[in-house]
Amino acid sequence: MAIKRYKPTTPGRRSSSVVVNKKLSKKRPPKSLLKPIKKTGGRNQSGRITVRHKGGGHKRFYRLIDFKRTRYDQEAKVLSIDYDPNRSANIALIQYEDGKKSYIIAPVGLKENDTVMSSRNKIDIKPGNRLPLEKIPVGVMLYNIELMPGSGASIARSAGNTVSLMSMEGKNAQLKLPSGEVRIFRNTCMATIGTVSNTDFKNLRWGKAGRKRWLGIRPTVRGKAMNPVDHPHGGGEGRAPIGLKHPKTPWGKPALGVRTRRLRQSDRLIIKRRKK
């Protein structure tokens, strides 16, 4: 993979770049692994906008990703590495020995014709293999980790993310998450070996607002550019400052430097808080 930067032939090209990966497949995805996506524009069933800055975007199909990989002790061959318009990471199309196909999140270094396996027993520690935390040596980099045993992968799924297995104590394992948080997991939680692919995604320069609109992201207007009826920062003459003790959300709640995480029972599993 490499970052390709365009020559400034137009204002939009002047600051834009793309990730080039010649190993990505150009074949159409299997229809059995596609699902239509209904656009909401951030609106609920009453037609009110409940999530701002969403709307438009290119039409796309959802790729059904297997986050559990419960076909244990069956070797699967990697048929292709594909682009997924719904996530920052690349995905891999795999086929099991019985002919069943599925998509998984591709790790760095996984290539076409490689084999991967999911097992609850001791197997090779190589990118793409999935096994319980208790069967993984300390220090190995992981992704696609279950928060609770059997719940399916929910931790470290976006491009370039990886989690470090720090220690194993009894029935618990200590993992350092991409945010810097150190957290306790049950050692029966499944995890995949490796680092999520497409690591250069974070270095992309979008170049123009239109590329964000293709993704379904609408403009974000500054609060101080609004009227007082629309935002706590609004109003004033000319380029007025915020005028408040601290920044607020459109609904008047503190916006910066305030913990928004509610008191949860799982807080006791956090050993070290994430970086602010």
C-alpha atoms as a PDB file:
ATOM      1  CA  MET A   1       0.000   0.000   0.000  1.00  0.00           C
ATOM      2  CA  ALA A   2       1.069   3.553  -0.672  1.00  0.00           C
ATOM      3  CA  ILE A   3      -0.330   7.066  -0.508  1.00  0.00           C
ATOM      4  CA  LYS A   4      -0.733   8.658  -3.938  1.00  0.00           C
ATOM      5  CA  ARG A   5      -0.810  12.451  -3.963  1.00  0.00           C
ATOM      6  CA  TYR A   6      -2.318  14.220  -6.951  1.00  0.00           C
ATOM      7  CA  LYS A   7      -0.811  17.105  -8.866  1.00  0.00           C
ATOM      8  CA  PRO A   8      -2.681  20.389  -8.220  1.00  0.00           C
ATOM      9  CA  THR A   9      -4.572  20.422 -11.519  1.00  0.00           C
ATOM     10  CA  THR A  10      -7.742  21.756  -9.804  1.00  0.00           C
ATOM     11  CA  PRO A  11      -8.462  23.308  -6.385  1.00  0.00           C
ATOM     12  CA  GLY A  12      -9.925  19.993  -5.175  1.00  0.00           C
ATOM     13  CA  ARG A  13      -6.915  17.993  -6.367  1.00  0.00           C
ATOM     14  CA  ARG A  14      -4.415  20.384  -4.768  1.00  0.00           C
ATOM     15  CA  SER A  15      -4.598  18.852  -1.305  1.00  0.00           C
ATOM     16  CA  SER A  16      -6.036  15.381  -1.963  1.00  0.00           C
ATOM     17  CA  SER A  17      -4.551  11.894  -1.786  1.00  0.00           C
ATOM     18  CA  VAL A  18      -5.714   8.286  -2.055  1.00  0.00           C
ATOM     19  CA  VAL A  19      -4.507   4.922  -0.771  1.00  0.00           C
ATOM     20  CA  VAL A  20      -3.261   2.749  -3.630  1.00  0.00           C
ATOM     21  CA  ASN A  21      -3.367  -1.016  -3.109  1.00  0.00           C
ATOM     22  CA  LYS A  22      -2.845  -2.999  -6.300  1.00  0.00           C
ATOM     23  CA  LYS A  23      -3.589  -6.277  -4.486  1.00  0.00           C
ATOM     24  CA  LEU A  24      -7.270  -5.414  -3.997  1.00  0.00           C
ATOM     25  CA  SER A  25      -9.632  -7.560  -6.040  1.00  0.00           C
ATOM     26  CA  LYS A  26     -11.699  -5.990  -8.835  1.00  0.00           C
ATOM     27  CA  LYS A  27     -14.245  -8.813  -8.954  1.00  0.00           C
ATOM     28  CA  ARG A  28     -17.844  -8.299  -7.886  1.00  0.00           C
ATOM     29  CA  PRO A  29     -18.638  -9.550  -4.355  1.00  0.00           C
ATOM     30  CA  PRO A  30     -20.844 -12.678  -3.987  1.00  0.00           C
ATOM     31  CA  LYS A  31     -24.545 -11.748  -3.880  1.00  0.00           C
ATOM     32  CA  SER A  32     -25.106 -14.048  -0.903  1.00  0.00           C
ATOM     33  CA  LEU A  33     -22.815 -11.821   1.200  1.00  0.00           C
ATOM     34  CA  LEU A  34     -24.494  -8.522   0.250  1.00  0.00           C
ATOM     35  CA  LYS A  35     -27.327  -6.721   1.996  1.00  0.00           C
ATOM     36  CA  PRO A  36     -29.048  -3.446   0.962  1.00  0.00           C
ATOM     37  CA  ILE A  37     -28.643  -0.383   3.158  1.00  0.00           C
ATOM     38  CA  LYS A  38     -31.593   1.949   3.766  1.00  0.00           C
ATOM     39  CA  LYS A  39     -30.541   5.580   4.221  1.00  0.00           C
ATOM     40  CA  THR A  40     -32.079   7.533   7.095  1.00  0.00           C
ATOM     41  CA  GLY A  41     -30.375  10.924   6.798  1.00  0.00           C
ATOM     42  CA  GLY A  42     -30.013  10.870  10.596  1.00  0.00           C
ATOM     43  CA  ARG A  43     -33.796  10.916  11.085  1.00  0.00           C
ATOM     44  CA  ASN A  44     -35.935   8.748  13.360  1.00  0.00           C
ATOM     45  CA  GLN A  45     -39.365   7.258  12.639  1.00  0.00           C
ATOM     46  CA  SER A  46     -40.982  10.666  13.277  1.00  0.00           C
ATOM     47  CA  GLY A  47     -38.830  12.386  10.661  1.00  0.00           C
ATOM     48  CA  ARG A  48     -36.865  14.396  13.217  1.00  0.00           C
ATOM     49  CA  ILE A  49     -33.085  14.681  12.904  1.00  0.00           C
ATOM     50  CA  THR A  50     -31.607  12.813  15.870  1.00  0.00           C
ATOM     51  CA  VAL A  51     -28.080  12.425  14.465  1.00  0.00           C
ATOM     52  CA  ARG A  52     -26.706  15.571  12.865  1.00  0.00           C
ATOM     53  CA  HIS A  53     -24.401  15.856   9.847  1.00  0.00           C
ATOM     54  CA  LYS A  54     -25.654  12.735   8.091  1.00  0.00           C
ATOM     55  CA  GLY A  55     -27.274  12.502   4.669  1.00  0.00           C
ATOM     56  CA  GLY A  56     -26.674  11.813   1.000  1.00  0.00           C
ATOM     57  CA  GLY A  57     -23.693   9.727   0.036  1.00  0.00           C
ATOM     58  CA  HIS A  58     -23.108   7.154  -2.664  1.00  0.00           C
ATOM     59  CA  LYS A  59     -25.417   4.160  -2.911  1.00  0.00           C
ATOM     60  CA  ARG A  60     -23.760   1.039  -1.491  1.00  0.00           C
ATOM     61  CA  PHE A  61     -24.371  -2.519  -0.324  1.00  0.00           C
ATOM     62  CA  TYR A  62     -23.420  -3.810   3.102  1.00  0.00           C
ATOM     63  CA  ARG A  63     -20.898  -6.677   3.154  1.00  0.00           C
ATOM     64  CA  LEU A  64     -21.890  -9.315   5.719  1.00  0.00           C
ATOM     65  CA  ILE A  65     -18.813  -9.688   7.934  1.00  0.00           C
ATOM     66  CA  ASP A  66     -18.350 -12.790  10.097  1.00  0.00           C
ATOM     67  CA  PHE A  67     -17.296 -11.325  13.463  1.00  0.00           C
ATOM     68  CA  LYS A  68     -17.760 -14.599  15.396  1.00  0.00           C
ATOM     69  CA  ARG A  69     -16.073 -17.177  13.121  1.00  0.00           C
ATOM     70  CA  THR A  70     -17.591 -20.186  14.860  1.00  0.00           C
ATOM     71  CA  ARG A  71     -16.569 -22.757  12.211  1.00  0.00           C
ATOM     72  CA  TYR A  72     -13.787 -24.086  14.428  1.00  0.00           C
ATOM     73  CA  ASP A  73     -10.827 -26.206  13.285  1.00  0.00           C
ATOM     74  CA  GLN A  74     -11.654 -25.754   9.588  1.00  0.00           C
ATOM     75  CA  GLU A  75      -9.009 -24.282   7.318  1.00  0.00           C
ATOM     76  CA  ALA A  76     -10.267 -21.456   5.125  1.00  0.00           C
ATOM     77  CA  LYS A  77      -8.526 -20.280   1.965  1.00  0.00           C
ATOM     78  CA  VAL A  78      -8.297 -16.562   1.205  1.00  0.00           C
ATOM     79  CA  LEU A  79      -9.882 -16.037  -2.216  1.00  0.00           C
ATOM     80  CA  SER A  80      -9.314 -12.279  -2.422  1.00  0.00           C
ATOM     81  CA  ILE A  81      -8.661  -9.067  -0.494  1.00  0.00           C
ATOM     82  CA  ASP A  82     -11.530  -6.646  -1.186  1.00  0.00           C
ATOM     83  CA  TYR A  83     -12.422  -3.002  -0.688  1.00  0.00           C
ATOM     84  CA  ASP A  84     -15.339  -2.327   1.667  1.00  0.00           C
ATOM     85  CA  PRO A  85     -17.163   1.015   1.221  1.00  0.00           C
ATOM     86  CA  ASN A  86     -18.695   0.730   4.701  1.00  0.00           C
ATOM     87  CA  ARG A  87     -15.482   0.662   6.769  1.00  0.00           C
ATOM     88  CA  SER A  88     -11.915   1.956   6.712  1.00  0.00           C
ATOM     89  CA  ALA A  89     -10.319  -1.523   6.785  1.00  0.00           C
ATOM     90  CA  ASN A  90     -10.026  -3.943   3.873  1.00  0.00           C
ATOM     91  CA  ILE A  91     -11.877  -7.252   4.028  1.00  0.00           C
ATOM     92  CA  ALA A  92     -10.906 -10.773   2.973  1.00  0.00           C
ATOM     93  CA  LEU A  93     -13.180 -13.231   1.174  1.00  0.00           C
ATOM     94  CA  ILE A  94     -12.495 -16.718   2.558  1.00  0.00           C
ATOM     95  CA  GLN A  95     -13.799 -20.155   1.600  1.00  0.00           C
ATOM     96  CA  TYR A  96     -13.955 -23.123   3.993  1.00  0.00           C
ATOM     97  CA  GLU A  97     -13.273 -26.738   3.087  1.00  0.00           C
ATOM     98  CA  ASP A  98     -17.002 -27.432   2.645  1.00  0.00           C
ATOM     99  CA  GLY A  99     -17.383 -24.550   0.139  1.00  0.00           C
ATOM    100  CA  LYS A 100     -18.935 -22.018   2.543  1.00  0.00           C
ATOM    101  CA  LYS A 101     -17.798 -18.425   1.859  1.00  0.00           C
ATOM    102  CA  SER A 102     -17.665 -15.488   4.253  1.00  0.00           C
ATOM    103  CA  TYR A 103     -16.016 -12.119   4.752  1.00  0.00           C
ATOM    104  CA  ILE A 104     -13.576 -11.310   7.557  1.00  0.00           C
ATOM    105  CA  ILE A 105     -11.641  -8.149   8.397  1.00  0.00           C
ATOM    106  CA  ALA A 106      -8.254  -8.549   6.744  1.00  0.00           C
ATOM    107  CA  PRO A 107      -5.070  -8.122   8.824  1.00  0.00           C
ATOM    108  CA  VAL A 108      -1.806  -6.629   7.592  1.00  0.00           C
ATOM    109  CA  GLY A 109       0.183  -9.190   5.603  1.00  0.00           C
ATOM    110  CA  LEU A 110      -2.723 -11.459   4.641  1.00  0.00           C
ATOM    111  CA  LYS A 111      -2.535 -12.352   0.948  1.00  0.00           C
ATOM    112  CA  GLU A 112      -4.560 -14.243  -1.613  1.00  0.00           C
ATOM    113  CA  ASN A 113      -4.238 -18.057  -1.361  1.00  0.00           C
ATOM    114  CA  ASP A 114      -3.189 -17.868   2.319  1.00  0.00           C
ATOM    115  CA  THR A 115      -5.054 -20.020   4.841  1.00  0.00           C
ATOM    116  CA  VAL A 116      -6.643 -18.937   8.120  1.00  0.00           C
ATOM    117  CA  MET A 117      -8.318 -20.879  10.911  1.00  0.00           C
ATOM    118  CA  SER A 118     -10.482 -20.327  13.970  1.00  0.00           C
ATOM    119  CA  SER A 119     -10.056 -22.706  16.893  1.00  0.00           C
ATOM    120  CA  ARG A 120     -10.515 -22.988  20.660  1.00  0.00           C
ATOM    121  CA  ASN A 121      -7.320 -25.041  20.860  1.00  0.00           C
ATOM    122  CA  LYS A 122      -3.665 -24.151  20.352  1.00  0.00           C
ATOM    123  CA  ILE A 123      -2.946 -23.302  16.683  1.00  0.00           C
ATOM    124  CA  ASP A 124      -0.267 -21.352  14.808  1.00  0.00           C
ATOM    125  CA  ILE A 125       0.159 -17.728  15.879  1.00  0.00           C
ATOM    126  CA  LYS A 126      -0.080 -16.055  12.476  1.00  0.00           C
ATOM    127  CA  PRO A 127      -2.134 -13.137  11.071  1.00  0.00           C
ATOM    128  CA  GLY A 128      -5.777 -14.021  10.523  1.00  0.00           C
ATOM    129  CA  ASN A 129      -5.967 -16.979  12.910  1.00  0.00           C
ATOM    130  CA  ARG A 130      -8.562 -16.667  15.690  1.00  0.00           C
ATOM    131  CA  LEU A 131      -8.332 -18.279  19.123  1.00  0.00           C
ATOM    132  CA  PRO A 132      -9.070 -17.584  22.823  1.00  0.00           C
ATOM    133  CA  LEU A 133      -6.899 -15.162  24.779  1.00  0.00           C
ATOM    134  CA  GLU A 134      -5.760 -17.984  27.082  1.00  0.00           C
ATOM    135  CA  LYS A 135      -4.087 -19.715  24.089  1.00  0.00           C
ATOM    136  CA  ILE A 136      -2.189 -16.601  22.945  1.00  0.00           C
ATOM    137  CA  PRO A 137       1.332 -15.733  24.205  1.00  0.00           C
ATOM    138  CA  VAL A 138       1.828 -12.451  26.058  1.00  0.00           C
ATOM    139  CA  GLY A 139       3.008  -9.584  23.853  1.00  0.00           C
ATOM    140  CA  VAL A 140       1.196 -10.648  20.679  1.00  0.00           C
ATOM    141  CA  MET A 141      -0.714  -7.931  18.782  1.00  0.00           C
ATOM    142  CA  LEU A 142      -4.450  -8.609  18.362  1.00  0.00           C
ATOM    143  CA  TYR A 143      -7.620  -7.205  16.789  1.00  0.00           C
ATOM    144  CA  ASN A 144     -11.313  -8.157  16.467  1.00  0.00           C
ATOM    145  CA  ILE A 145     -11.623  -8.910  20.187  1.00  0.00           C
ATOM    146  CA  GLU A 146     -14.794  -9.954  22.003  1.00  0.00           C
ATOM    147  CA  LEU A 147     -15.891  -7.819  24.926  1.00  0.00           C
ATOM    148  CA  MET A 148     -17.825 -10.758  26.382  1.00  0.00           C
ATOM    149  CA  PRO A 149     -17.288 -14.462  25.495  1.00  0.00           C
ATOM    150  CA  GLY A 150     -19.431 -15.428  22.509  1.00  0.00           C
ATOM    151  CA  SER A 151     -20.618 -11.875  21.763  1.00  0.00           C
ATOM    152  CA  GLY A 152     -18.618 -11.453  18.549  1.00  0.00           C
ATOM    153  CA  ALA A 153     -15.753  -9.067  17.817  1.00  0.00           C
ATOM    154  CA  SER A 154     -16.384  -5.468  18.873  1.00  0.00           C
ATOM    155  CA  ILE A 155     -12.918  -4.114  19.850  1.00  0.00           C
ATOM    156  CA  ALA A 156     -10.217  -2.904  17.387  1.00  0.00           C
ATOM    157  CA  ARG A 157     -11.987  -3.261  14.041  1.00  0.00           C
ATOM    158  CA  SER A 158     -11.016  -0.083  12.134  1.00  0.00           C
ATOM    159  CA  ALA A 159      -8.008   0.472   9.866  1.00  0.00           C
ATOM    160  CA  GLY A 160      -4.602   0.258  11.547  1.00  0.00           C
ATOM    161  CA  ASN A 161      -5.949  -0.627  14.998  1.00  0.00           C
ATOM    162  CA  THR A 162      -4.238  -3.197  17.181  1.00  0.00           C
ATOM    163  CA  VAL A 163      -4.386  -4.314  20.822  1.00  0.00           C
ATOM    164  CA  SER A 164      -1.479  -5.583  22.920  1.00  0.00           C
ATOM    165  CA  LEU A 165      -1.860  -8.578  25.246  1.00  0.00           C
ATOM    166  CA  MET A 166       0.006  -7.390  28.345  1.00  0.00           C
ATOM    167  CA  SER A 167      -0.464 -10.162  30.916  1.00  0.00           C
ATOM    168  CA  MET A 168      -2.491 -13.210  31.927  1.00  0.00           C
ATOM    169  CA  GLU A 169      -3.649 -13.686  35.534  1.00  0.00           C
ATOM    170  CA  GLY A 170      -5.905 -16.630  36.341  1.00  0.00           C
ATOM    171  CA  LYS A 171      -9.100 -16.400  34.319  1.00  0.00           C
ATOM    172  CA  ASN A 172      -8.436 -12.803  33.247  1.00  0.00           C
ATOM    173  CA  ALA A 173      -6.219 -11.122  30.672  1.00  0.00           C
ATOM    174  CA  GLN A 174      -4.998  -7.519  30.620  1.00  0.00           C
ATOM    175  CA  LEU A 175      -5.131  -5.801  27.228  1.00  0.00           C
ATOM    176  CA  LYS A 176      -3.925  -2.353  26.201  1.00  0.00           C
ATOM    177  CA  LEU A 177      -6.472  -0.843  23.782  1.00  0.00           C
ATOM    178  CA  PRO A 178      -5.677   1.620  20.942  1.00  0.00           C
ATOM    179  CA  SER A 179      -6.960   4.503  23.122  1.00  0.00           C
ATOM    180  CA  GLY A 180      -4.320   3.733  25.767  1.00  0.00           C
ATOM    181  CA  GLU A 181      -6.855   2.217  28.159  1.00  0.00           C
ATOM    182  CA  VAL A 182      -5.763  -0.943  29.974  1.00  0.00           C
ATOM    183  CA  ARG A 183      -8.700  -3.252  30.530  1.00  0.00           C
ATOM    184  CA  ILE A 184      -9.440  -6.723  31.926  1.00  0.00           C
ATOM    185  CA  PHE A 185     -11.003  -9.337  29.615  1.00  0.00           C
ATOM    186  CA  ARG A 186     -12.040 -12.917  30.328  1.00  0.00           C
ATOM    187  CA  ASN A 187      -9.426 -15.307  28.958  1.00  0.00           C
ATOM    188  CA  THR A 188     -12.131 -17.197  27.035  1.00  0.00           C
ATOM    189  CA  CYS A 189     -12.829 -14.181  24.800  1.00  0.00           C
ATOM    190  CA  MET A 190     -11.846 -14.815  21.187  1.00  0.00           C
ATOM    191  CA  ALA A 191      -9.335 -12.588  19.402  1.00  0.00           C
ATOM    192  CA  THR A 192      -7.673 -12.521  15.977  1.00  0.00           C
ATOM    193  CA  ILE A 193      -3.905 -12.345  15.524  1.00  0.00           C
ATOM    194  CA  GLY A 194      -2.465  -9.306  13.744  1.00  0.00           C
ATOM    195  CA  THR A 195      -3.135  -5.649  12.983  1.00  0.00           C
ATOM    196  CA  VAL A 196      -6.112  -4.362  11.005  1.00  0.00           C
ATOM    197  CA  SER A 197      -5.209  -3.701   7.360  1.00  0.00           C
ATOM    198  CA  ASN A 198      -5.123  -0.397   5.443  1.00  0.00           C
ATOM    199  CA  THR A 199      -2.870   1.303   8.004  1.00  0.00           C
ATOM    200  CA  ASP A 200      -2.319   4.308   5.709  1.00  0.00           C
ATOM    201  CA  PHE A 201      -5.975   5.328   5.940  1.00  0.00           C
ATOM    202  CA  LYS A 202      -5.251   7.807   8.752  1.00  0.00           C
ATOM    203  CA  ASN A 203      -2.796   9.681   6.477  1.00  0.00           C
ATOM    204  CA  LEU A 204      -5.406  10.408   3.777  1.00  0.00           C
ATOM    205  CA  ARG A 205      -6.008  14.018   2.773  1.00  0.00           C
ATOM    206  CA  TRP A 206      -9.565  14.392   1.532  1.00  0.00           C
ATOM    207  CA  GLY A 207      -8.839  17.523  -0.467  1.00  0.00           C
ATOM    208  CA  LYS A 208     -12.388  18.796  -0.947  1.00  0.00           C
ATOM    209  CA  ALA A 209     -15.738  18.773   0.810  1.00  0.00           C
ATOM    210  CA  GLY A 210     -17.292  16.712  -1.974  1.00  0.00           C
ATOM    211  CA  ARG A 211     -15.351  13.584  -1.022  1.00  0.00           C
ATOM    212  CA  LYS A 212     -16.901  13.753   2.435  1.00  0.00           C
ATOM    213  CA  ARG A 213     -20.363  14.199   0.907  1.00  0.00           C
ATOM    214  CA  TRP A 214     -19.817  10.979  -1.093  1.00  0.00           C
ATOM    215  CA  LEU A 215     -19.366   9.238   2.263  1.00  0.00           C
ATOM    216  CA  GLY A 216     -22.692  10.602   3.542  1.00  0.00           C
ATOM    217  CA  ILE A 217     -21.160  13.258   5.820  1.00  0.00           C
ATOM    218  CA  ARG A 218     -22.900  16.673   5.687  1.00  0.00           C
ATOM    219  CA  PRO A 219     -21.338  20.015   6.696  1.00  0.00           C
ATOM    220  CA  THR A 220     -20.715  20.867  10.355  1.00  0.00           C
ATOM    221  CA  VAL A 221     -21.549  24.513  11.114  1.00  0.00           C
ATOM    222  CA  ARG A 222     -19.798  26.336  13.968  1.00  0.00           C
ATOM    223  CA  GLY A 223     -22.016  27.245  16.888  1.00  0.00           C
ATOM    224  CA  LYS A 224     -20.724  30.836  17.007  1.00  0.00           C
ATOM    225  CA  ALA A 225     -21.861  31.280  13.395  1.00  0.00           C
ATOM    226  CA  MET A 226     -25.489  30.564  14.407  1.00  0.00           C
ATOM    227  CA  ASN A 227     -28.212  32.638  16.025  1.00  0.00           C
ATOM    228  CA  PRO A 228     -28.873  32.454  19.790  1.00  0.00           C
ATOM    229  CA  VAL A 229     -32.043  30.439  19.176  1.00  0.00           C
ATOM    230  CA  ASP A 230     -30.007  27.722  17.453  1.00  0.00           C
ATOM    231  CA  HIS A 231     -26.955  27.371  19.682  1.00  0.00           C
ATOM    232  CA  PRO A 232     -25.614  28.609  23.055  1.00  0.00           C
ATOM    233  CA  HIS A 233     -22.593  30.122  21.239  1.00  0.00           C
ATOM    234  CA  GLY A 234     -24.742  32.040  18.753  1.00  0.00           C
ATOM    235  CA  GLY A 235     -25.423  35.753  18.464  1.00  0.00           C
ATOM    236  CA  GLY A 236     -23.287  38.821  19.035  1.00  0.00           C
ATOM    237  CA  GLU A 237     -22.005  41.488  16.668  1.00  0.00           C
ATOM    238  CA  GLY A 238     -19.426  40.547  14.082  1.00  0.00           C
ATOM    239  CA  ARG A 239     -16.921  37.880  15.038  1.00  0.00           C
ATOM    240  CA  ALA A 240     -18.108  37.535  18.592  1.00  0.00           C
ATOM    241  CA  PRO A 241     -16.358  35.029  20.890  1.00  0.00           C
ATOM    242  CA  ILE A 242     -18.159  32.205  22.630  1.00  0.00           C
ATOM    243  CA  GLY A 243     -18.779  34.409  25.656  1.00  0.00           C
ATOM    244  CA  LEU A 244     -19.323  31.512  28.054  1.00  0.00           C
ATOM    245  CA  LYS A 245     -17.176  29.961  30.780  1.00  0.00           C
ATOM    246  CA  HIS A 246     -16.751  26.777  28.742  1.00  0.00           C
ATOM    247  CA  PRO A 247     -17.881  25.433  25.348  1.00  0.00           C
ATOM    248  CA  LYS A 248     -21.343  23.871  25.210  1.00  0.00           C
ATOM    249  CA  THR A 249     -23.213  21.502  22.920  1.00  0.00           C
ATOM    250  CA  PRO A 250     -26.288  22.742  20.987  1.00  0.00           C
ATOM    251  CA  TRP A 251     -28.330  21.452  23.954  1.00  0.00           C
ATOM    252  CA  GLY A 252     -26.372  23.419  26.569  1.00  0.00           C
ATOM    253  CA  LYS A 253     -24.294  20.593  28.030  1.00  0.00           C
ATOM    254  CA  PRO A 254     -20.502  20.898  28.592  1.00  0.00           C
ATOM    255  CA  ALA A 255     -18.615  19.951  25.430  1.00  0.00           C
ATOM    256  CA  LEU A 256     -14.913  19.747  26.318  1.00  0.00           C
ATOM    257  CA  GLY A 257     -13.030  18.198  29.226  1.00  0.00           C
ATOM    258  CA  VAL A 258     -16.111  16.577  30.764  1.00  0.00           C
ATOM    259  CA  ARG A 259     -16.500  12.842  31.198  1.00  0.00           C
ATOM    260  CA  THR A 260     -19.494  11.584  29.255  1.00  0.00           C
ATOM    261  CA  ARG A 261     -19.149   7.904  30.160  1.00  0.00           C
ATOM    262  CA  ARG A 262     -21.939   6.884  32.480  1.00  0.00           C
ATOM    263  CA  LEU A 263     -21.345   4.866  35.627  1.00  0.00           C
ATOM    264  CA  ARG A 264     -21.330   1.275  34.430  1.00  0.00           C
ATOM    265  CA  GLN A 265     -20.752  -2.026  36.165  1.00  0.00           C
ATOM    266  CA  SER A 266     -17.890  -2.739  33.762  1.00  0.00           C
ATOM    267  CA  ASP A 267     -15.930   0.290  35.084  1.00  0.00           C
ATOM    268  CA  ARG A 268     -14.308  -2.027  37.614  1.00  0.00           C
ATOM    269  CA  LEU A 269     -12.609  -3.826  34.703  1.00  0.00           C
ATOM    270  CA  ILE A 270     -10.707  -0.688  33.675  1.00  0.00           C
ATOM    271  CA  ILE A 271      -7.229  -0.632  35.196  1.00  0.00           C
ATOM    272  CA  LYS A 272      -5.969   2.510  33.474  1.00  0.00           C
ATOM    273  CA  ARG A 273      -8.141   5.175  31.851  1.00  0.00           C
ATOM    274  CA  ARG A 274      -7.675   6.147  28.222  1.00  0.00           C
ATOM    275  CA  LYS A 275      -5.646   9.197  27.238  1.00  0.00           C
ATOM    276  CA  LYS A 276      -7.627  12.430  27.141  1.00  0.00           C
END
